[in-house]
Amino acid sequence: MFNNKKGQMEFSNLYMLVIFLVVVSVSGLLAGLIYYDMEILDSTLQTVNFQIPIQDNSTLTNSSITDFQDILGITVYPILGLRTSLPYLVYFMIFGFIIALGMTAYMSSKNPIFFILHVLFTSLMTYFSVILSNTYVTLLSNPFINNMMVPFTIYNKLMLYLPQILFFTGLLFGVISFINVMKPTSNQQGNQMGLNYGGDY
């Protein structure tokens, strides 16, 4: 049971690299599609308007509502306006995964043989990221996809330089996890002056 958990920790960086590559590849395109649909819905609703027959009543709290656009301005348009946050949401999610990669690398120590495996696996994932980056460039040559991804400037650059980002990030965090093995540990048996909280049970 313990050996199984230890093995999972040693391969956790590899799992995180795969998840990072999938999330980066899918999240931006999905957010771009949602952004584009919300923008079309917004512009379509702007063309629809008609008068609302509201009875003249002194108990009405908001007498400025006279037509359909006034109702949309209170209910629908604020929600559609949230689409401007989608690019930032994608950025924070991607950088959150990078931070998670760093934390996983720090917490999962590896033997030197696992560091070599990590470098080989990072090289393999870099090869796949080259394919994904080239595919994304091909997608951007499509006018529809290009127009859809215009608001996601940083994400576009991230996808264009995805192989370099993935390789150097994976290599850096692999080095961090390897250096974590070399950190000195306190030898409580040899140092009798050290404090030892708790006993062996």
N, C-alpha and C. Protein backbone atom coordinates (compact mmCIF):
# COMPACT_ATOMS: atom_id res chain seq x y z
N MET A 1 0.84 -1.20 0.00
CA MET A 1 0.00 0.00 0.00
C MET A 1 0.87 1.25 0.00
N PHE A 2 1.89 1.27 0.86
CA PHE A 2 2.79 2.42 0.97
C PHE A 2 3.61 2.57 -0.31
N ASN A 3 4.09 1.43 -0.85
CA ASN A 3 4.89 1.48 -2.07
C ASN A 3 4.07 2.00 -3.25
N ASN A 4 2.79 1.63 -3.26
CA ASN A 4 1.91 2.09 -4.33
C ASN A 4 1.74 3.61 -4.29
N LYS A 5 1.53 4.16 -3.08
CA LYS A 5 1.40 5.60 -2.94
C LYS A 5 2.70 6.32 -3.31
N LYS A 6 3.83 5.72 -2.93
CA LYS A 6 5.13 6.32 -3.26
C LYS A 6 5.34 6.35 -4.76
N GLY A 7 4.95 5.27 -5.45
CA GLY A 7 5.08 5.24 -6.89
C GLY A 7 4.20 6.26 -7.57
N GLN A 8 2.98 6.45 -7.02
CA GLN A 8 2.11 7.47 -7.58
C GLN A 8 2.71 8.86 -7.41
N MET A 9 3.35 9.14 -6.27
CA MET A 9 3.97 10.44 -6.06
C MET A 9 5.14 10.65 -7.01
N GLU A 10 5.89 9.58 -7.31
CA GLU A 10 7.05 9.73 -8.18
C GLU A 10 6.63 10.01 -9.62
N PHE A 11 5.45 9.53 -10.02
CA PHE A 11 4.98 9.76 -11.37
C PHE A 11 3.97 10.90 -11.45
N SER A 12 3.75 11.61 -10.33
CA SER A 12 2.74 12.67 -10.32
C SER A 12 3.08 13.80 -11.27
N ASN A 13 4.37 14.12 -11.42
CA ASN A 13 4.78 15.17 -12.36
C ASN A 13 4.42 14.81 -13.79
N LEU A 14 4.56 13.53 -14.12
CA LEU A 14 4.23 13.10 -15.48
C LEU A 14 2.74 13.22 -15.74
N TYR A 15 1.93 12.84 -14.73
CA TYR A 15 0.49 13.01 -14.87
C TYR A 15 0.12 14.48 -15.05
N MET A 16 0.76 15.33 -14.26
CA MET A 16 0.45 16.76 -14.31
C MET A 16 0.83 17.36 -15.67
N LEU A 17 1.91 16.87 -16.28
CA LEU A 17 2.30 17.36 -17.60
C LEU A 17 1.25 17.02 -18.64
N VAL A 18 0.70 15.81 -18.56
CA VAL A 18 -0.33 15.39 -19.51
C VAL A 18 -1.59 16.25 -19.31
N ILE A 19 -2.00 16.43 -18.05
CA ILE A 19 -3.18 17.24 -17.76
C ILE A 19 -2.97 18.68 -18.22
N PHE A 20 -1.76 19.21 -17.98
CA PHE A 20 -1.45 20.58 -18.39
C PHE A 20 -1.58 20.74 -19.90
N LEU A 21 -1.05 19.77 -20.66
CA LEU A 21 -1.11 19.86 -22.12
C LEU A 21 -2.55 19.78 -22.62
N VAL A 22 -3.36 18.92 -22.03
CA VAL A 22 -4.76 18.78 -22.44
C VAL A 22 -5.54 20.05 -22.11
N VAL A 23 -5.35 20.57 -20.90
CA VAL A 23 -6.09 21.76 -20.48
C VAL A 23 -5.73 22.97 -21.33
N VAL A 24 -4.44 23.15 -21.61
CA VAL A 24 -4.01 24.29 -22.43
C VAL A 24 -4.60 24.19 -23.84
N SER A 25 -4.63 22.97 -24.38
CA SER A 25 -5.10 22.80 -25.75
C SER A 25 -6.60 23.02 -25.88
N VAL A 26 -7.37 22.61 -24.87
CA VAL A 26 -8.83 22.62 -24.98
C VAL A 26 -9.45 23.90 -24.42
N SER A 27 -8.90 24.40 -23.30
CA SER A 27 -9.57 25.48 -22.56
C SER A 27 -9.72 26.75 -23.39
N GLY A 28 -8.68 27.13 -24.11
CA GLY A 28 -8.73 28.38 -24.88
C GLY A 28 -9.75 28.32 -26.01
N LEU A 29 -9.75 27.20 -26.74
CA LEU A 29 -10.71 27.07 -27.84
C LEU A 29 -12.15 27.03 -27.33
N LEU A 30 -12.36 26.32 -26.21
CA LEU A 30 -13.70 26.26 -25.64
C LEU A 30 -14.15 27.64 -25.16
N ALA A 31 -13.25 28.36 -24.48
CA ALA A 31 -13.59 29.71 -24.01
C ALA A 31 -13.81 30.65 -25.19
N GLY A 32 -13.03 30.50 -26.26
CA GLY A 32 -13.21 31.33 -27.44
C GLY A 32 -14.56 31.08 -28.09
N LEU A 33 -15.00 29.82 -28.13
CA LEU A 33 -16.30 29.50 -28.70
C LEU A 33 -17.44 30.08 -27.86
N ILE A 34 -17.31 29.97 -26.53
CA ILE A 34 -18.33 30.55 -25.64
C ILE A 34 -18.37 32.08 -25.79
N TYR A 35 -17.19 32.69 -25.85
CA TYR A 35 -17.10 34.14 -26.02
C TYR A 35 -17.79 34.58 -27.31
N TYR A 36 -17.49 33.85 -28.38
CA TYR A 36 -18.05 34.20 -29.69
C TYR A 36 -19.58 34.05 -29.69
N ASP A 37 -20.10 32.97 -29.09
CA ASP A 37 -21.55 32.75 -29.04
C ASP A 37 -22.24 33.83 -28.20
N MET A 38 -21.62 34.19 -27.08
CA MET A 38 -22.22 35.24 -26.24
C MET A 38 -22.23 36.59 -26.95
N GLU A 39 -21.18 36.84 -27.75
CA GLU A 39 -21.12 38.10 -28.49
C GLU A 39 -22.20 38.14 -29.57
N ILE A 40 -22.42 37.02 -30.26
CA ILE A 40 -23.47 36.97 -31.27
C ILE A 40 -24.85 37.14 -30.63
N LEU A 41 -25.05 36.47 -29.48
CA LEU A 41 -26.32 36.59 -28.78
C LEU A 41 -26.57 38.03 -28.34
N ASP A 42 -25.51 38.68 -27.85
CA ASP A 42 -25.63 40.08 -27.43
C ASP A 42 -26.03 40.98 -28.60
N SER A 43 -25.31 40.85 -29.71
CA SER A 43 -25.61 41.71 -30.86
C SER A 43 -26.98 41.40 -31.46
N THR A 44 -27.43 40.15 -31.38
CA THR A 44 -28.75 39.80 -31.91
C THR A 44 -29.86 40.38 -31.04
N LEU A 45 -29.68 40.28 -29.72
CA LEU A 45 -30.70 40.82 -28.82
C LEU A 45 -30.80 42.34 -28.91
N GLN A 46 -29.70 42.99 -29.30
CA GLN A 46 -29.72 44.46 -29.42
C GLN A 46 -30.70 44.92 -30.51
N THR A 47 -30.97 44.03 -31.46
CA THR A 47 -31.85 44.42 -32.58
C THR A 47 -33.33 44.18 -32.27
N VAL A 48 -33.61 43.51 -31.15
CA VAL A 48 -35.00 43.20 -30.80
C VAL A 48 -35.49 44.18 -29.74
N ASN A 49 -36.58 44.86 -30.06
CA ASN A 49 -37.14 45.81 -29.09
C ASN A 49 -38.62 46.04 -29.38
N PHE A 50 -39.36 46.17 -28.33
CA PHE A 50 -40.78 46.51 -28.44
C PHE A 50 -41.23 47.09 -27.11
N GLN A 51 -42.30 47.84 -27.17
CA GLN A 51 -42.81 48.50 -25.98
C GLN A 51 -43.49 47.48 -25.06
N ILE A 52 -43.28 47.68 -23.76
CA ILE A 52 -43.90 46.83 -22.75
C ILE A 52 -45.14 47.55 -22.21
N PRO A 53 -46.32 46.95 -22.32
CA PRO A 53 -47.52 47.61 -21.77
C PRO A 53 -47.53 47.52 -20.25
N ILE A 54 -47.06 48.57 -19.62
CA ILE A 54 -47.02 48.61 -18.15
C ILE A 54 -48.11 49.56 -17.65
N GLN A 55 -48.91 49.04 -16.74
CA GLN A 55 -49.99 49.85 -16.18
C GLN A 55 -49.41 50.95 -15.30
N ASP A 56 -49.97 52.13 -15.43
CA ASP A 56 -49.50 53.26 -14.61
C ASP A 56 -49.91 53.02 -13.16
N ASN A 57 -48.90 52.68 -12.35
CA ASN A 57 -49.18 52.33 -10.96
C ASN A 57 -48.13 53.00 -10.09
N SER A 58 -48.56 53.65 -9.06
CA SER A 58 -47.63 54.37 -8.18
C SER A 58 -46.79 53.43 -7.35
N THR A 59 -47.18 52.13 -7.29
CA THR A 59 -46.41 51.17 -6.50
C THR A 59 -45.22 50.60 -7.26
N LEU A 60 -45.09 50.91 -8.56
CA LEU A 60 -43.96 50.41 -9.33
C LEU A 60 -42.66 51.00 -8.80
N THR A 61 -41.67 50.11 -8.54
CA THR A 61 -40.40 50.57 -7.97
C THR A 61 -39.50 51.17 -9.03
N ASN A 62 -39.60 50.69 -10.27
CA ASN A 62 -38.74 51.19 -11.33
C ASN A 62 -39.61 51.61 -12.51
N SER A 63 -39.86 52.90 -12.61
CA SER A 63 -40.73 53.41 -13.68
C SER A 63 -39.97 53.64 -14.97
N SER A 64 -38.64 53.39 -14.98
CA SER A 64 -37.85 53.61 -16.20
C SER A 64 -37.95 52.44 -17.17
N ILE A 65 -38.54 51.33 -16.77
CA ILE A 65 -38.70 50.17 -17.66
C ILE A 65 -39.88 50.43 -18.57
N THR A 66 -39.60 50.68 -19.83
CA THR A 66 -40.67 50.96 -20.80
C THR A 66 -40.67 50.00 -21.97
N ASP A 67 -39.52 49.38 -22.28
CA ASP A 67 -39.48 48.46 -23.42
C ASP A 67 -38.66 47.22 -23.09
N PHE A 68 -38.55 46.36 -24.09
CA PHE A 68 -37.87 45.07 -23.93
C PHE A 68 -36.38 45.23 -23.64
N GLN A 69 -35.76 46.23 -24.25
CA GLN A 69 -34.33 46.47 -24.03
C GLN A 69 -34.04 46.87 -22.59
N ASP A 70 -34.96 47.56 -21.96
CA ASP A 70 -34.78 47.93 -20.55
C ASP A 70 -34.74 46.69 -19.67
N ILE A 71 -35.59 45.71 -19.99
CA ILE A 71 -35.60 44.47 -19.22
C ILE A 71 -34.31 43.69 -19.45
N LEU A 72 -33.88 43.62 -20.73
CA LEU A 72 -32.62 42.92 -21.04
C LEU A 72 -31.44 43.59 -20.36
N GLY A 73 -31.47 44.92 -20.25
CA GLY A 73 -30.38 45.65 -19.61
C GLY A 73 -30.24 45.32 -18.13
N ILE A 74 -31.31 44.85 -17.53
CA ILE A 74 -31.27 44.49 -16.11
C ILE A 74 -30.96 43.01 -15.91
N THR A 75 -31.44 42.17 -16.81
CA THR A 75 -31.36 40.72 -16.59
C THR A 75 -30.27 40.04 -17.42
N VAL A 76 -30.30 40.22 -18.74
CA VAL A 76 -29.46 39.42 -19.65
C VAL A 76 -28.12 40.06 -19.93
N TYR A 77 -28.10 41.36 -20.22
CA TYR A 77 -26.85 42.01 -20.63
C TYR A 77 -25.74 41.96 -19.58
N PRO A 78 -26.05 42.08 -18.29
CA PRO A 78 -24.96 41.92 -17.30
C PRO A 78 -24.29 40.54 -17.35
N ILE A 79 -25.10 39.50 -17.62
CA ILE A 79 -24.53 38.15 -17.72
C ILE A 79 -23.68 38.02 -18.98
N LEU A 80 -24.19 38.54 -20.09
CA LEU A 80 -23.42 38.49 -21.34
C LEU A 80 -22.15 39.33 -21.25
N GLY A 81 -22.18 40.37 -20.42
CA GLY A 81 -20.99 41.20 -20.25
C GLY A 81 -19.85 40.49 -19.55
N LEU A 82 -20.17 39.39 -18.88
CA LEU A 82 -19.13 38.62 -18.20
C LEU A 82 -18.18 37.93 -19.17
N ARG A 83 -18.52 37.93 -20.46
CA ARG A 83 -17.66 37.25 -21.43
C ARG A 83 -16.27 37.88 -21.50
N THR A 84 -16.16 39.16 -21.14
CA THR A 84 -14.84 39.81 -21.17
C THR A 84 -13.90 39.22 -20.12
N SER A 85 -14.45 38.48 -19.14
CA SER A 85 -13.59 37.85 -18.13
C SER A 85 -13.05 36.51 -18.58
N LEU A 86 -13.59 35.95 -19.67
CA LEU A 86 -13.16 34.62 -20.11
C LEU A 86 -11.68 34.55 -20.46
N PRO A 87 -11.10 35.53 -21.19
CA PRO A 87 -9.65 35.43 -21.46
C PRO A 87 -8.82 35.40 -20.18
N TYR A 88 -9.18 36.23 -19.19
CA TYR A 88 -8.43 36.24 -17.94
C TYR A 88 -8.61 34.94 -17.16
N LEU A 89 -9.81 34.37 -17.24
CA LEU A 89 -10.06 33.09 -16.58
C LEU A 89 -9.17 31.99 -17.16
N VAL A 90 -9.01 32.00 -18.48
CA VAL A 90 -8.14 31.02 -19.13
C VAL A 90 -6.69 31.23 -18.70
N TYR A 91 -6.24 32.49 -18.64
CA TYR A 91 -4.86 32.77 -18.25
C TYR A 91 -4.60 32.27 -16.82
N PHE A 92 -5.51 32.63 -15.90
CA PHE A 92 -5.31 32.24 -14.51
C PHE A 92 -5.35 30.72 -14.33
N MET A 93 -6.20 30.05 -15.12
CA MET A 93 -6.27 28.60 -15.02
C MET A 93 -4.97 27.95 -15.51
N ILE A 94 -4.42 28.47 -16.60
CA ILE A 94 -3.17 27.90 -17.13
C ILE A 94 -2.01 28.15 -16.17
N PHE A 95 -1.90 29.38 -15.66
CA PHE A 95 -0.83 29.68 -14.72
C PHE A 95 -1.04 28.95 -13.40
N GLY A 96 -2.30 28.68 -13.05
CA GLY A 96 -2.58 27.86 -11.87
C GLY A 96 -2.05 26.45 -12.03
N PHE A 97 -2.17 25.90 -13.23
CA PHE A 97 -1.62 24.57 -13.49
C PHE A 97 -0.10 24.59 -13.45
N ILE A 98 0.51 25.69 -13.91
CA ILE A 98 1.97 25.79 -13.83
C ILE A 98 2.42 25.81 -12.37
N ILE A 99 1.68 26.55 -11.52
CA ILE A 99 1.99 26.57 -10.09
C ILE A 99 1.80 25.19 -9.49
N ALA A 100 0.73 24.51 -9.91
CA ALA A 100 0.48 23.14 -9.42
C ALA A 100 1.60 22.20 -9.83
N LEU A 101 2.14 22.39 -11.03
CA LEU A 101 3.29 21.59 -11.47
C LEU A 101 4.49 21.82 -10.55
N GLY A 102 4.72 23.09 -10.20
CA GLY A 102 5.84 23.40 -9.32
C GLY A 102 5.65 22.81 -7.93
N MET A 103 4.43 22.89 -7.39
CA MET A 103 4.18 22.32 -6.06
C MET A 103 4.31 20.80 -6.08
N THR A 104 3.82 20.17 -7.16
CA THR A 104 3.95 18.72 -7.27
C THR A 104 5.41 18.32 -7.36
N ALA A 105 6.19 19.10 -8.11
CA ALA A 105 7.62 18.79 -8.24
C ALA A 105 8.33 18.93 -6.90
N TYR A 106 7.94 19.94 -6.12
CA TYR A 106 8.60 20.15 -4.82
C TYR A 106 8.24 19.05 -3.83
N MET A 107 7.00 18.56 -3.90
CA MET A 107 6.54 17.59 -2.90
C MET A 107 6.86 16.15 -3.27
N SER A 108 7.15 15.91 -4.55
CA SER A 108 7.44 14.53 -4.95
C SER A 108 8.92 14.40 -5.30
N SER A 109 9.68 13.81 -4.41
CA SER A 109 11.11 13.60 -4.63
C SER A 109 11.31 12.42 -5.56
N LYS A 110 12.36 12.49 -6.35
CA LYS A 110 12.64 11.42 -7.31
C LYS A 110 14.08 10.95 -7.16
N ASN A 111 14.28 9.68 -7.46
CA ASN A 111 15.63 9.14 -7.58
C ASN A 111 16.21 9.59 -8.93
N PRO A 112 17.53 9.53 -9.09
CA PRO A 112 18.12 9.95 -10.37
C PRO A 112 17.55 9.22 -11.58
N ILE A 113 17.21 7.94 -11.42
CA ILE A 113 16.66 7.19 -12.56
C ILE A 113 15.31 7.76 -12.97
N PHE A 114 14.53 8.26 -12.00
CA PHE A 114 13.24 8.87 -12.32
C PHE A 114 13.43 10.24 -12.97
N PHE A 115 14.54 10.91 -12.66
CA PHE A 115 14.81 12.18 -13.31
C PHE A 115 15.08 11.96 -14.80
N ILE A 116 15.83 10.90 -15.13
CA ILE A 116 16.07 10.58 -16.55
C ILE A 116 14.76 10.24 -17.25
N LEU A 117 13.90 9.48 -16.57
CA LEU A 117 12.59 9.15 -17.12
C LEU A 117 11.75 10.41 -17.32
N HIS A 118 11.87 11.33 -16.37
CA HIS A 118 11.12 12.59 -16.47
C HIS A 118 11.57 13.40 -17.69
N VAL A 119 12.88 13.46 -17.93
CA VAL A 119 13.40 14.19 -19.08
C VAL A 119 12.93 13.56 -20.38
N LEU A 120 12.95 12.23 -20.44
CA LEU A 120 12.49 11.54 -21.65
C LEU A 120 11.01 11.77 -21.89
N PHE A 121 10.22 11.71 -20.82
CA PHE A 121 8.78 11.92 -20.96
C PHE A 121 8.47 13.37 -21.34
N THR A 122 9.24 14.30 -20.77
CA THR A 122 9.06 15.72 -21.14
C THR A 122 9.38 15.93 -22.61
N SER A 123 10.41 15.27 -23.11
CA SER A 123 10.75 15.37 -24.54
C SER A 123 9.64 14.81 -25.40
N LEU A 124 9.02 13.70 -24.96
CA LEU A 124 7.91 13.12 -25.71
C LEU A 124 6.70 14.06 -25.73
N MET A 125 6.40 14.66 -24.56
CA MET A 125 5.28 15.59 -24.49
C MET A 125 5.57 16.86 -25.30
N THR A 126 6.84 17.25 -25.37
CA THR A 126 7.21 18.39 -26.20
C THR A 126 6.96 18.10 -27.67
N TYR A 127 7.22 16.85 -28.08
CA TYR A 127 6.94 16.46 -29.47
C TYR A 127 5.45 16.59 -29.78
N PHE A 128 4.60 16.14 -28.85
CA PHE A 128 3.16 16.27 -29.04
C PHE A 128 2.73 17.74 -29.02
N SER A 129 3.39 18.55 -28.20
CA SER A 129 3.05 19.97 -28.16
C SER A 129 3.43 20.68 -29.45
N VAL A 130 4.48 20.20 -30.13
CA VAL A 130 4.84 20.76 -31.45
C VAL A 130 3.71 20.49 -32.44
N ILE A 131 3.16 19.27 -32.39
CA ILE A 131 2.05 18.92 -33.28
C ILE A 131 0.83 19.79 -32.96
N LEU A 132 0.54 19.96 -31.67
CA LEU A 132 -0.61 20.79 -31.28
C LEU A 132 -0.42 22.24 -31.68
N SER A 133 0.80 22.75 -31.52
CA SER A 133 1.07 24.14 -31.88
C SER A 133 0.91 24.36 -33.38
N ASN A 134 1.42 23.42 -34.18
CA ASN A 134 1.27 23.53 -35.64
C ASN A 134 -0.19 23.42 -36.05
N THR A 135 -0.94 22.55 -35.36
CA THR A 135 -2.37 22.42 -35.64
C THR A 135 -3.10 23.70 -35.31
N TYR A 136 -2.71 24.34 -34.22
CA TYR A 136 -3.35 25.60 -33.84
C TYR A 136 -3.06 26.70 -34.86
N VAL A 137 -1.84 26.73 -35.38
CA VAL A 137 -1.50 27.71 -36.43
C VAL A 137 -2.38 27.47 -37.65
N THR A 138 -2.60 26.20 -38.00
CA THR A 138 -3.47 25.88 -39.13
C THR A 138 -4.91 26.33 -38.85
N LEU A 139 -5.37 26.13 -37.60
CA LEU A 139 -6.72 26.57 -37.25
C LEU A 139 -6.87 28.08 -37.36
N LEU A 140 -5.82 28.81 -36.97
CA LEU A 140 -5.88 30.27 -37.04
C LEU A 140 -5.92 30.79 -38.47
N SER A 141 -5.51 29.96 -39.43
CA SER A 141 -5.60 30.38 -40.83
C SER A 141 -7.04 30.38 -41.33
N ASN A 142 -7.93 29.71 -40.58
CA ASN A 142 -9.35 29.74 -40.90
C ASN A 142 -9.93 31.08 -40.42
N PRO A 143 -10.61 31.83 -41.29
CA PRO A 143 -11.13 33.16 -40.88
C PRO A 143 -12.08 33.10 -39.69
N PHE A 144 -12.91 32.04 -39.63
CA PHE A 144 -13.87 31.93 -38.52
C PHE A 144 -13.14 31.74 -37.19
N ILE A 145 -12.18 30.80 -37.15
CA ILE A 145 -11.42 30.55 -35.91
C ILE A 145 -10.58 31.77 -35.55
N ASN A 146 -10.00 32.41 -36.57
CA ASN A 146 -9.17 33.59 -36.32
C ASN A 146 -9.99 34.70 -35.69
N ASN A 147 -11.19 34.93 -36.22
CA ASN A 147 -12.06 35.96 -35.66
C ASN A 147 -12.52 35.60 -34.26
N MET A 148 -12.75 34.32 -34.04
CA MET A 148 -13.23 33.86 -32.74
C MET A 148 -12.16 34.03 -31.65
N MET A 149 -10.88 33.86 -32.01
CA MET A 149 -9.80 33.89 -31.02
C MET A 149 -9.10 35.24 -30.93
N VAL A 150 -9.64 36.27 -31.56
CA VAL A 150 -9.02 37.60 -31.50
C VAL A 150 -8.90 38.13 -30.07
N PRO A 151 -9.92 37.98 -29.20
CA PRO A 151 -9.78 38.53 -27.84
C PRO A 151 -8.76 37.79 -26.98
N PHE A 152 -8.33 36.59 -27.40
CA PHE A 152 -7.43 35.77 -26.58
C PHE A 152 -5.99 35.93 -27.07
N THR A 153 -5.47 37.13 -26.93
CA THR A 153 -4.13 37.42 -27.48
C THR A 153 -3.03 36.62 -26.79
N ILE A 154 -3.05 36.62 -25.46
CA ILE A 154 -1.99 35.93 -24.71
C ILE A 154 -2.08 34.42 -24.94
N TYR A 155 -3.30 33.91 -25.00
CA TYR A 155 -3.47 32.47 -25.24
C TYR A 155 -2.93 32.09 -26.62
N ASN A 156 -3.14 32.95 -27.62
CA ASN A 156 -2.61 32.67 -28.96
C ASN A 156 -1.08 32.57 -28.93
N LYS A 157 -0.44 33.49 -28.22
CA LYS A 157 1.02 33.45 -28.11
C LYS A 157 1.47 32.22 -27.33
N LEU A 158 0.69 31.86 -26.31
CA LEU A 158 1.02 30.68 -25.52
C LEU A 158 0.98 29.42 -26.37
N MET A 159 -0.02 29.32 -27.24
CA MET A 159 -0.12 28.14 -28.11
C MET A 159 0.98 28.14 -29.18
N LEU A 160 1.38 29.32 -29.64
CA LEU A 160 2.43 29.38 -30.65
C LEU A 160 3.78 28.96 -30.07
N TYR A 161 4.02 29.28 -28.79
CA TYR A 161 5.28 28.92 -28.13
C TYR A 161 5.09 27.78 -27.14
N LEU A 162 4.06 26.96 -27.34
CA LEU A 162 3.77 25.88 -26.41
C LEU A 162 4.92 24.87 -26.26
N PRO A 163 5.60 24.45 -27.34
CA PRO A 163 6.71 23.49 -27.16
C PRO A 163 7.81 24.02 -26.24
N GLN A 164 8.22 25.28 -26.43
CA GLN A 164 9.28 25.84 -25.58
C GLN A 164 8.81 25.96 -24.14
N ILE A 165 7.57 26.42 -23.94
CA ILE A 165 7.05 26.60 -22.59
C ILE A 165 6.95 25.27 -21.88
N LEU A 166 6.42 24.25 -22.56
CA LEU A 166 6.26 22.94 -21.94
C LEU A 166 7.61 22.30 -21.62
N PHE A 167 8.56 22.39 -22.55
CA PHE A 167 9.85 21.74 -22.34
C PHE A 167 10.61 22.36 -21.17
N PHE A 168 10.75 23.69 -21.18
CA PHE A 168 11.54 24.35 -20.13
C PHE A 168 10.83 24.29 -18.77
N THR A 169 9.48 24.37 -18.78
CA THR A 169 8.76 24.25 -17.52
C THR A 169 8.90 22.85 -16.94
N GLY A 170 8.69 21.83 -17.80
CA GLY A 170 8.83 20.46 -17.34
C GLY A 170 10.24 20.15 -16.88
N LEU A 171 11.24 20.64 -17.60
CA LEU A 171 12.63 20.41 -17.22
C LEU A 171 12.97 21.09 -15.91
N LEU A 172 12.51 22.32 -15.74
CA LEU A 172 12.78 23.06 -14.51
C LEU A 172 12.19 22.35 -13.30
N PHE A 173 10.93 21.92 -13.40
CA PHE A 173 10.29 21.27 -12.28
C PHE A 173 10.84 19.87 -12.05
N GLY A 174 11.35 19.24 -13.11
CA GLY A 174 12.05 17.97 -12.92
C GLY A 174 13.34 18.16 -12.12
N VAL A 175 14.07 19.24 -12.41
CA VAL A 175 15.29 19.55 -11.66
C VAL A 175 14.95 19.85 -10.20
N ILE A 176 13.82 20.57 -9.97
CA ILE A 176 13.42 20.89 -8.60
C ILE A 176 13.14 19.62 -7.82
N SER A 177 12.42 18.68 -8.43
CA SER A 177 12.11 17.44 -7.72
C SER A 177 13.37 16.60 -7.49
N PHE A 178 14.36 16.71 -8.39
CA PHE A 178 15.59 15.95 -8.20
C PHE A 178 16.45 16.59 -7.11
N ILE A 179 16.50 17.92 -7.08
CA ILE A 179 17.28 18.61 -6.05
C ILE A 179 16.67 18.36 -4.68
N ASN A 180 15.36 18.17 -4.65
CA ASN A 180 14.67 17.90 -3.39
C ASN A 180 15.19 16.62 -2.74
N VAL A 181 15.66 15.68 -3.56
CA VAL A 181 16.25 14.45 -3.02
C VAL A 181 17.56 14.73 -2.32
N MET A 182 18.30 15.72 -2.84
CA MET A 182 19.65 15.98 -2.35
C MET A 182 19.66 16.90 -1.13
N LYS A 183 18.47 17.34 -0.66
CA LYS A 183 18.44 18.21 0.51
C LYS A 183 18.89 17.43 1.74
N PRO A 184 19.74 18.03 2.58
CA PRO A 184 20.22 17.30 3.76
C PRO A 184 19.09 17.02 4.74
N THR A 185 19.12 15.84 5.31
CA THR A 185 18.13 15.46 6.32
C THR A 185 18.80 15.42 7.68
N SER A 186 18.04 15.71 8.71
CA SER A 186 18.60 15.73 10.06
C SER A 186 18.76 14.30 10.56
N ASN A 187 19.94 13.99 11.04
CA ASN A 187 20.22 12.66 11.58
C ASN A 187 20.04 12.71 13.09
N GLN A 188 18.87 12.28 13.54
CA GLN A 188 18.56 12.40 14.95
C GLN A 188 19.32 11.37 15.77
N GLN A 189 19.68 10.23 15.16
CA GLN A 189 20.42 9.22 15.92
C GLN A 189 21.84 9.67 16.18
N GLY A 190 22.46 10.36 15.21
CA GLY A 190 23.84 10.79 15.41
C GLY A 190 23.94 12.06 16.23
N ASN A 191 22.88 12.87 16.24
CA ASN A 191 22.92 14.13 16.97
C ASN A 191 22.02 14.00 18.19
N GLN A 192 22.58 13.72 19.32
CA GLN A 192 21.81 13.53 20.54
C GLN A 192 21.31 14.84 21.11
N MET A 193 21.90 16.00 20.67
CA MET A 193 21.49 17.29 21.18
C MET A 193 20.22 17.79 20.52
N GLY A 194 19.83 17.17 19.37
CA GLY A 194 18.64 17.63 18.66
C GLY A 194 17.39 17.27 19.42
N LEU A 195 16.36 18.04 19.22
CA LEU A 195 15.08 17.80 19.86
C LEU A 195 14.32 16.76 19.05
N ASN A 196 13.76 15.81 19.74
CA ASN A 196 13.00 14.75 19.09
C ASN A 196 11.61 14.74 19.73
N TYR A 197 10.63 15.30 19.02
CA TYR A 197 9.30 15.37 19.57
C TYR A 197 8.59 14.03 19.33
N GLY A 198 8.07 13.46 20.38
CA GLY A 198 7.35 12.19 20.23
C GLY A 198 8.30 11.02 20.27
N GLY A 199 7.76 9.87 20.43
CA GLY A 199 8.60 8.68 20.50
C GLY A 199 8.27 7.72 19.41
N ASP A 200 8.96 6.62 19.39
CA ASP A 200 8.68 5.56 18.42
C ASP A 200 7.66 4.63 19.02
N TYR A 201 6.57 4.48 18.33
CA TYR A 201 5.51 3.61 18.83
C TYR A 201 5.36 2.41 17.92
